Protein backbone atom coordinates (compact mmCIF):
# COMPACT_ATOMS: atom_id res chain seq x y z
CA MET A 1 90.06 90.02 85.70
CA SER A 2 91.09 89.55 81.90
CA LYS A 3 89.90 86.29 80.63
CA ASP A 4 92.81 84.85 79.14
CA ARG A 5 94.57 85.43 82.51
CA VAL A 6 95.47 82.77 84.80
CA ARG A 7 94.04 83.48 88.35
CA VAL A 8 96.73 82.30 91.17
CA VAL A 9 95.54 81.71 94.61
CA VAL A 10 96.62 81.09 97.70
CA THR A 11 96.62 77.24 99.27
CA GLY A 12 99.25 77.04 102.08
CA LEU A 13 100.65 79.53 104.73
CA GLY A 14 103.42 78.95 107.16
CA ALA A 15 105.29 81.49 109.73
CA THR A 16 107.50 82.34 112.96
CA THR A 17 107.47 85.39 114.44
CA PRO A 18 107.99 87.31 117.31
CA LEU A 19 104.34 86.16 118.45
CA GLY A 20 104.39 82.75 117.99
CA GLY A 21 106.06 79.97 116.25
CA ASP A 22 103.34 79.03 113.51
CA VAL A 23 100.51 81.10 111.79
CA ALA A 24 98.00 79.97 114.37
CA SER A 25 99.62 81.12 117.02
CA THR A 26 100.57 84.39 115.65
CA TRP A 27 97.28 85.18 114.35
CA SER A 28 95.93 84.97 117.37
CA ALA A 29 98.26 87.00 119.54
CA LEU A 30 97.58 89.59 116.76
CA LEU A 31 93.82 89.48 116.99
CA GLU A 32 94.52 89.85 120.76
CA GLY A 33 96.93 92.80 120.78
CA ARG A 34 99.79 91.12 122.62
CA SER A 35 103.37 92.36 121.85
CA GLY A 36 106.14 90.31 120.59
CA ILE A 37 108.68 92.92 121.50
CA ARG A 38 111.21 92.59 124.79
CA THR A 39 114.06 93.54 126.51
CA LEU A 40 117.28 91.83 124.87
CA THR A 41 119.90 89.82 127.43
CA GLU A 42 122.77 89.50 124.87
CA ASP A 43 126.44 90.49 125.82
CA TRP A 44 126.34 93.38 123.50
CA VAL A 45 123.42 95.17 124.40
CA ASP A 46 125.24 97.96 126.81
CA THR A 47 127.26 98.85 123.72
CA VAL A 48 124.10 100.14 121.72
CA PRO A 49 121.27 102.62 122.55
CA VAL A 50 118.58 100.26 121.88
CA LYS A 51 118.04 97.70 123.88
CA PHE A 52 115.00 95.58 122.89
CA ALA A 53 113.50 93.67 119.58
CA GLY A 54 111.04 91.55 118.40
CA VAL A 55 112.94 88.21 118.81
CA ALA A 56 111.12 84.80 117.53
CA ALA A 57 108.84 83.48 120.16
CA VAL A 58 109.69 80.00 119.27
CA ASP A 59 113.48 79.40 119.12
CA PRO A 60 114.37 77.57 115.42
CA GLY A 61 117.07 75.51 117.50
CA GLU A 62 114.11 73.94 119.39
CA VAL A 63 112.56 73.31 115.98
CA LEU A 64 115.42 72.11 113.71
CA PRO A 65 117.44 69.16 114.44
CA ARG A 66 120.89 70.21 115.61
CA PRO A 67 122.82 68.72 112.72
CA GLU A 68 120.56 70.60 110.04
CA ALA A 69 120.40 73.52 112.24
CA ARG A 70 124.57 73.85 111.94
CA ARG A 71 124.39 73.81 108.07
CA LEU A 72 121.89 77.01 108.04
CA ASP A 73 122.04 80.61 109.31
CA ARG A 74 119.33 81.51 111.21
CA ALA A 75 117.59 83.45 108.32
CA GLU A 76 117.67 80.42 106.62
CA GLN A 77 116.47 78.53 109.54
CA PHE A 78 113.36 80.72 109.67
CA ALA A 79 112.63 80.16 106.03
CA LEU A 80 112.57 76.63 105.90
CA ILE A 81 110.39 75.93 109.11
CA ALA A 82 108.50 78.39 107.62
CA ALA A 83 108.27 76.67 104.19
CA ARG A 84 107.69 73.40 105.58
CA GLN A 85 104.45 74.63 107.51
CA ALA A 86 102.98 76.52 104.24
CA TRP A 87 103.78 73.19 102.34
CA GLN A 88 102.08 71.00 104.91
CA ASP A 89 99.07 73.88 105.08
CA ALA A 90 98.80 72.87 101.40
CA GLY A 91 98.48 69.30 101.85
CA ALA A 92 101.68 68.59 100.89
CA PRO A 93 100.57 67.82 97.38
CA GLU A 94 102.38 65.73 94.90
CA VAL A 95 103.59 68.09 92.19
CA ASP A 96 105.69 67.70 89.41
CA GLY A 97 109.16 69.38 90.33
CA ASP A 98 109.36 71.34 86.66
CA ARG A 99 106.37 72.86 87.47
CA LEU A 100 106.98 74.24 90.89
CA GLY A 101 109.06 77.15 91.74
CA VAL A 102 110.34 79.22 94.87
CA VAL A 103 110.68 82.99 95.52
CA VAL A 104 112.14 83.56 98.77
CA GLY A 105 114.25 86.49 99.75
CA SER A 106 115.93 88.17 102.59
CA GLY A 107 116.98 92.18 102.78
CA ILE A 108 120.11 91.38 104.61
CA GLY A 109 120.98 87.88 104.18
CA GLY A 110 123.22 85.84 106.32
CA ILE A 111 124.63 88.68 108.39
CA GLY A 112 125.01 86.34 111.54
CA THR A 113 126.95 84.22 109.44
CA ILE A 114 129.01 86.37 108.13
CA LEU A 115 130.14 88.32 111.40
CA SER A 116 130.75 84.97 113.44
CA ALA A 117 132.64 83.67 110.48
CA TYR A 118 135.18 86.53 110.20
CA ASP A 119 135.45 86.41 113.66
CA LEU A 120 136.64 82.86 113.76
CA TYR A 121 138.84 83.23 110.86
CA ARG A 122 140.64 85.99 112.44
CA GLU A 123 141.01 84.26 115.74
CA LYS A 124 141.42 80.70 114.77
CA GLY A 125 142.26 80.26 110.92
CA TRP A 126 140.74 79.58 107.87
CA ASN A 127 140.76 75.84 108.38
CA ARG A 128 137.82 76.45 111.26
CA LEU A 129 135.37 77.57 108.98
CA SER A 130 132.51 75.48 108.15
CA PRO A 131 132.35 74.34 104.73
CA PHE A 132 128.41 75.35 104.72
CA THR A 133 129.93 78.91 105.21
CA VAL A 134 128.90 80.34 101.84
CA PRO A 135 125.57 78.91 101.76
CA MET A 136 125.34 80.18 105.01
CA LEU A 137 125.72 83.82 104.24
CA MET A 138 124.23 84.34 100.57
CA PRO A 139 121.13 86.00 100.35
CA ASN A 140 119.85 83.35 98.09
CA GLY A 141 120.60 80.35 100.23
CA SER A 142 116.84 80.00 101.62
CA ALA A 143 115.47 79.52 98.69
CA GLY A 144 118.18 77.15 97.64
CA TRP A 145 117.53 75.15 100.44
CA ILE A 146 113.70 75.31 100.03
CA SER A 147 113.65 74.03 96.60
CA ILE A 148 116.39 71.34 97.28
CA GLU A 149 113.82 70.16 100.00
CA LEU A 150 110.65 70.53 97.84
CA GLY A 151 112.37 69.21 94.61
CA ALA A 152 111.58 72.92 93.07
CA LYS A 153 112.87 73.11 89.50
CA ALA A 154 110.84 75.25 87.95
CA GLY A 155 113.27 78.19 89.12
CA ALA A 156 114.64 79.08 92.70
CA HIS A 157 114.85 83.08 92.97
CA ALA A 158 115.67 85.65 95.61
CA THR A 159 114.67 88.87 95.52
CA VAL A 160 116.32 91.66 97.51
CA SER A 161 114.69 94.93 97.74
CA ALA A 162 115.40 95.56 101.63
CA CYS A 163 112.19 95.75 103.38
CA ALA A 164 109.88 95.22 99.98
CA THR A 165 111.52 91.82 99.60
CA GLY A 166 108.98 89.51 100.99
CA ALA A 167 106.18 91.33 99.22
CA GLU A 168 108.13 91.60 95.95
CA SER A 169 108.85 87.77 96.06
CA ILE A 170 105.18 87.49 96.16
CA GLY A 171 104.45 89.30 93.30
CA TYR A 172 107.56 87.73 91.39
CA GLY A 173 105.53 84.52 92.50
CA ILE A 174 102.21 85.46 91.08
CA ASP A 175 104.42 86.43 87.47
CA MET A 176 105.63 82.93 87.05
CA ILE A 177 102.25 81.29 87.31
CA ARG A 178 100.58 83.67 85.27
CA SER A 179 103.71 83.43 82.76
CA GLY A 180 103.10 79.47 82.53
CA ARG A 181 106.74 78.70 84.28
CA ALA A 182 105.28 76.94 87.07
CA ASP A 183 101.79 75.74 88.74
CA MET A 184 103.01 76.42 92.21
CA VAL A 185 105.13 78.53 93.97
CA VAL A 186 106.39 78.72 97.53
CA ALA A 187 107.02 82.65 98.13
CA GLY A 188 108.08 84.91 100.83
CA GLY A 189 110.68 86.74 102.87
CA THR A 190 112.93 86.00 105.78
CA GLU A 191 114.77 87.73 108.25
CA ALA A 192 117.58 87.51 111.24
CA ALA A 193 119.10 90.95 111.80
CA ILE A 194 119.17 91.10 115.55
CA HIS A 195 122.71 91.81 116.34
CA GLY A 196 124.86 94.66 117.95
CA LEU A 197 126.23 95.80 114.60
CA ASN A 198 122.80 96.13 113.15
CA VAL A 199 121.38 97.84 115.82
CA ALA A 200 124.10 100.20 116.17
CA SER A 201 123.61 100.55 112.29
CA PHE A 202 120.22 101.38 112.28
CA ALA A 203 120.32 103.53 115.36
CA ALA A 204 123.05 105.58 113.67
CA ALA A 205 120.79 106.50 110.87
CA ARG A 206 118.16 107.65 113.75
CA ALA A 207 115.61 105.15 112.32
CA MET A 208 114.97 103.38 115.32
CA SER A 209 112.67 103.77 118.78
CA THR A 210 114.54 104.13 121.93
CA ARG A 211 111.69 103.58 124.46
CA ASN A 212 113.89 101.15 126.38
CA ASP A 213 111.85 101.63 129.25
CA GLU A 214 108.58 100.24 127.65
CA PRO A 215 109.64 97.88 124.96
CA GLU A 216 106.15 96.62 124.47
CA ARG A 217 104.93 100.18 123.76
CA ALA A 218 107.83 101.30 121.40
CA SER A 219 106.13 100.61 118.18
CA ARG A 220 102.96 102.55 117.70
CA PRO A 221 102.52 103.46 114.03
CA PHE A 222 100.44 106.64 113.40
CA ASP A 223 100.56 107.66 117.06
CA LYS A 224 102.04 111.33 117.81
CA GLY A 225 104.56 109.63 120.19
CA ARG A 226 105.96 107.47 117.76
CA ASP A 227 109.95 107.47 117.48
CA GLY A 228 111.52 105.01 115.16
CA PHE A 229 110.97 101.35 114.17
CA VAL A 230 111.45 98.14 116.07
CA LEU A 231 113.61 95.39 114.73
CA GLY A 232 112.46 92.14 114.80
CA GLU A 233 112.96 88.78 112.97
CA GLY A 234 111.37 85.68 111.23
CA ALA A 235 109.65 84.75 108.04
CA GLY A 236 106.16 84.45 106.34
CA ILE A 237 105.93 82.01 103.45
CA VAL A 238 102.56 81.09 101.37
CA VAL A 239 101.86 78.79 98.78
CA LEU A 240 100.69 80.29 95.68
CA GLU A 241 98.98 77.87 92.92
CA SER A 242 96.84 78.50 89.86
CA GLU A 243 93.14 78.27 90.36
CA GLU A 244 93.26 75.19 88.02
CA HIS A 245 95.87 73.51 89.69
CA ALA A 246 94.44 73.79 93.14
CA LEU A 247 90.69 73.14 92.43
CA ALA A 248 91.80 69.87 90.48
CA ARG A 249 93.74 68.44 93.38
CA GLY A 250 90.69 69.49 95.88
CA ALA A 251 92.91 71.95 97.72
CA ARG A 252 91.81 74.37 100.49
CA ILE A 253 91.80 77.85 99.09
CA TYR A 254 92.47 81.14 101.34
CA ALA A 255 92.59 83.84 98.98
CA VAL A 256 93.39 85.23 95.45
CA ALA A 257 96.61 86.53 95.29
CA ALA A 258 95.15 89.08 92.71
CA GLY A 259 98.35 91.26 91.61
CA ALA A 260 101.17 93.80 92.23
CA GLY A 261 102.32 96.69 91.75
CA TYR A 262 106.20 98.40 91.63
CA THR A 263 107.72 101.50 91.84
CA SER A 264 110.95 102.92 92.85
CA ASP A 265 111.04 106.32 94.55
CA ALA A 266 114.53 107.53 92.57
CA PHE A 267 114.97 110.13 95.43
CA HIS A 268 117.30 108.70 98.83
CA ILE A 269 118.95 105.69 99.85
CA THR A 270 117.05 105.58 103.09
CA GLY A 271 114.60 108.24 103.24
CA LEU A 272 110.69 108.32 101.41
CA ASP A 273 110.07 111.00 99.06
CA PRO A 274 108.09 113.40 100.69
CA ASP A 275 105.42 113.30 98.24
CA GLY A 276 104.58 110.06 98.74
CA LYS A 277 104.12 109.31 94.75
CA GLY A 278 105.64 106.10 94.80
CA GLY A 279 103.80 104.42 97.20
CA THR A 280 100.45 105.71 95.76
CA GLU A 281 101.44 104.56 92.28
CA ALA A 282 102.44 101.11 93.63
CA MET A 283 98.58 100.81 95.05
CA LEU A 284 97.34 101.88 91.84
CA ARG A 285 99.61 99.59 89.64
CA ALA A 286 98.60 96.55 91.56
CA LEU A 287 95.03 97.49 91.61
CA ARG A 288 95.24 97.72 87.75
CA ASN A 289 97.19 94.28 87.60
CA ALA A 290 94.72 92.58 89.94
CA ASP A 291 91.63 94.25 87.75
CA LEU A 292 90.45 96.06 90.39
CA ALA A 293 88.77 99.56 91.70
CA PRO A 294 89.84 101.54 94.53
CA SER A 295 86.23 101.14 95.90
CA ASP A 296 86.69 97.65 95.99
CA VAL A 297 89.54 97.69 98.23
CA VAL A 298 88.13 97.56 102.22
CA HIS A 299 91.67 96.75 104.01
CA VAL A 300 94.97 98.05 103.90
CA ASN A 301 97.87 96.49 105.84
CA ALA A 302 100.14 99.48 106.04
CA HIS A 303 103.69 99.25 105.97
CA ALA A 304 103.80 101.74 108.71
CA THR A 305 107.07 101.17 110.72
CA SER A 306 106.21 103.91 113.42
CA THR A 307 109.19 106.39 111.78
CA PRO A 308 107.52 110.16 112.17
CA LEU A 309 107.71 110.87 108.62
CA GLY A 310 107.28 107.60 106.91
CA ASP A 311 103.70 106.99 108.66
CA GLU A 312 102.49 110.11 107.36
CA ILE A 313 103.49 110.09 103.94
CA GLU A 314 101.95 106.32 103.47
CA ALA A 315 98.74 107.51 105.10
CA ARG A 316 98.58 110.46 102.61
CA ALA A 317 99.36 107.87 99.83
CA ILE A 318 96.76 105.38 100.56
CA LYS A 319 94.30 108.14 100.62
CA ASP A 320 95.50 108.92 97.28
CA ALA A 321 95.64 105.77 95.70
CA ILE A 322 92.27 104.27 97.55
CA GLY A 323 90.39 107.07 99.22
CA ASP A 324 89.29 107.17 102.60
CA HIS A 325 86.98 104.43 103.11
CA ALA A 326 89.08 101.35 103.74
CA ILE A 327 90.21 100.26 107.20
CA VAL A 328 93.81 100.41 107.66
CA THR A 329 95.95 98.27 110.11
CA ALA A 330 99.56 98.28 111.20
CA THR A 331 100.91 94.80 112.56
CA LYS A 332 104.21 95.96 113.03
CA SER A 333 102.94 97.11 116.41
CA MET A 334 103.15 93.69 117.75
CA THR A 335 105.48 91.96 115.62
CA GLY A 336 108.30 94.70 115.02
CA HIS A 337 109.57 95.40 111.72
CA LEU A 338 111.22 91.78 110.30
CA LEU A 339 112.85 93.61 107.33
CA GLY A 340 112.77 91.44 104.47
CA GLY A 341 110.56 88.95 106.19
CA ALA A 342 107.81 91.98 106.64
CA GLY A 343 106.18 91.45 103.29
CA GLY A 344 105.76 87.64 104.18
CA ILE A 345 104.27 87.65 106.99
CA GLU A 346 101.98 90.80 106.63
CA SER A 347 100.75 89.44 103.31
CA ILE A 348 99.73 86.31 105.35
CA PHE A 349 98.00 88.94 107.82
CA THR A 350 96.02 90.50 105.07
CA ILE A 351 95.30 87.13 103.50
CA LEU A 352 93.93 85.76 106.99
CA ALA A 353 91.88 89.15 107.46
CA LEU A 354 90.04 88.63 104.19
CA HIS A 355 89.69 84.93 104.74
CA GLU A 356 88.26 85.33 108.31
CA ARG A 357 86.55 88.58 108.00
CA ILE A 358 88.22 90.28 110.56
CA VAL A 359 91.27 93.23 110.90
CA PRO A 360 93.52 93.35 113.87
CA ALA A 361 93.67 96.68 115.51
CA ILE A 362 96.51 98.79 115.53
CA ALA A 363 98.70 98.34 119.24
CA ASN A 364 99.68 101.46 121.13
CA LEU A 365 97.83 103.71 119.24
CA ASP A 366 96.68 106.10 121.93
CA ASP A 367 96.81 109.34 120.50
CA PRO A 368 96.66 109.68 116.48
CA ALA A 369 99.06 112.05 114.71
CA ASP A 370 97.14 115.04 113.17
CA GLY A 371 96.65 115.01 109.56
CA ILE A 372 96.61 111.29 108.94
CA GLU A 373 92.96 110.99 107.11
CA VAL A 374 92.34 107.04 106.64
CA ASP A 375 90.52 104.84 109.02
CA LEU A 376 92.87 103.42 111.13
CA VAL A 377 91.54 100.68 113.10
CA ARG A 378 92.12 101.21 116.95
CA GLY A 379 91.14 99.45 120.05
CA GLU A 380 89.41 96.43 118.68
CA PRO A 381 89.80 94.35 116.03
CA ARG A 382 87.26 95.38 113.20
CA LYS A 383 85.01 92.76 111.33
CA LEU A 384 84.99 92.90 107.46
CA GLU A 385 81.27 93.11 105.60
CA GLY A 386 80.24 91.72 102.18
CA ASP A 387 81.26 88.89 100.08
CA GLN A 388 83.60 90.14 97.41
CA LEU A 389 86.38 91.52 99.27
CA ALA A 390 89.90 93.28 98.61
CA ALA A 391 92.84 94.12 100.09
CA ILE A 392 96.12 95.30 99.98
CA ASN A 393 99.39 95.09 101.55
CA ASN A 394 102.20 97.66 101.21
CA SER A 395 106.20 97.07 101.51
CA PHE A 396 108.59 99.91 101.30
CA GLY A 397 112.46 99.46 101.40
CA PHE A 398 115.68 101.37 101.65
CA GLY A 399 116.91 102.33 98.04
CA GLY A 400 113.37 103.72 97.50
CA HIS A 401 111.54 100.36 96.74
CA ASN A 402 107.63 100.26 96.45
CA VAL A 403 105.85 96.88 96.63
CA ALA A 404 101.70 96.57 96.99
CA VAL A 405 100.12 93.17 96.82
CA ALA A 406 96.35 92.92 96.17
CA PHE A 407 94.65 89.81 97.21
CA THR A 408 91.00 89.36 96.63
CA THR A 409 87.94 86.90 98.53
CA VAL A 410 87.46 83.90 96.28
């Protein structure tokens, strides 16, 4: 690390996912290899070819007071719940609002609000709409609500880069602290897109698994039998802080948020560039940004959505950027794909892997695909050995967005 560069650390974690309503229950389920995917029961399910998803294990309506929940889109509900958890986990510190920032985005935003509000407008007229309709549907709503709650005045930002959103938000938060704009930043991603229109649209793009007879086994990254991704919902939020600020207040530190790397494929709006160079370069840029060498990286949480082409390209990119020594997991095998929330929760998983020195195994990896030349964690979680460890979380999104975030032990 450059001597004059501010070191950024992680001091708080918050999540609500298909595996659990908080970080502890989610992480426990992940290490046990449990699936959060289930058959859907919504009235629209018979109109679409995919009938399962990773629904949040704890409905936000069970956590938030009803008057508050009615003002929020479901994606905002998830974000606020996860942010509150992360802030409490960080010790709910007293901090100068002018030195506190928020970076929380969503790949799709308040799509549930958009669709339901339009139906209400068409059927009953404009005067039946909630005055909170616009704040509920806008993609920056989560960042706005969190900043209001915490009094964060250093900036409230909402990155939107499809499935790379959560990771890009964390990278932006690192930059805010390094640049001196803030001492602390609440960062991550959220998504609530389990709706008939979205499921139908992804299915039309031939992107989703159709393994309706065994949904818990549908997400199978790197397996020969993989046939597409599984949609999930939820949020993952972290509290980032300059190390100096964290030490001064006696905060617990989970890991160092060492750096991030970004590229864009400039190739196809939904498809990956077959040569995988964008993913490779994003990882290499993250390493340079973090002053790390490929040999320092012991673990990669792969984006690995369980699509036939995507997993193969990413595995090659990991080998080209880092080598074949790092152990690779793919946690979407249990959570499904949280789209804009994926980079948030998977960064948390990467942080916890370093903090607890253990990497969850990939679920449903019965028969690894040919040509995957990286060390996949199968069967049981695997321990990490050593004192100074580094790991990378990959997040790639429609539009050609590639983001890699590097973390290290303290």
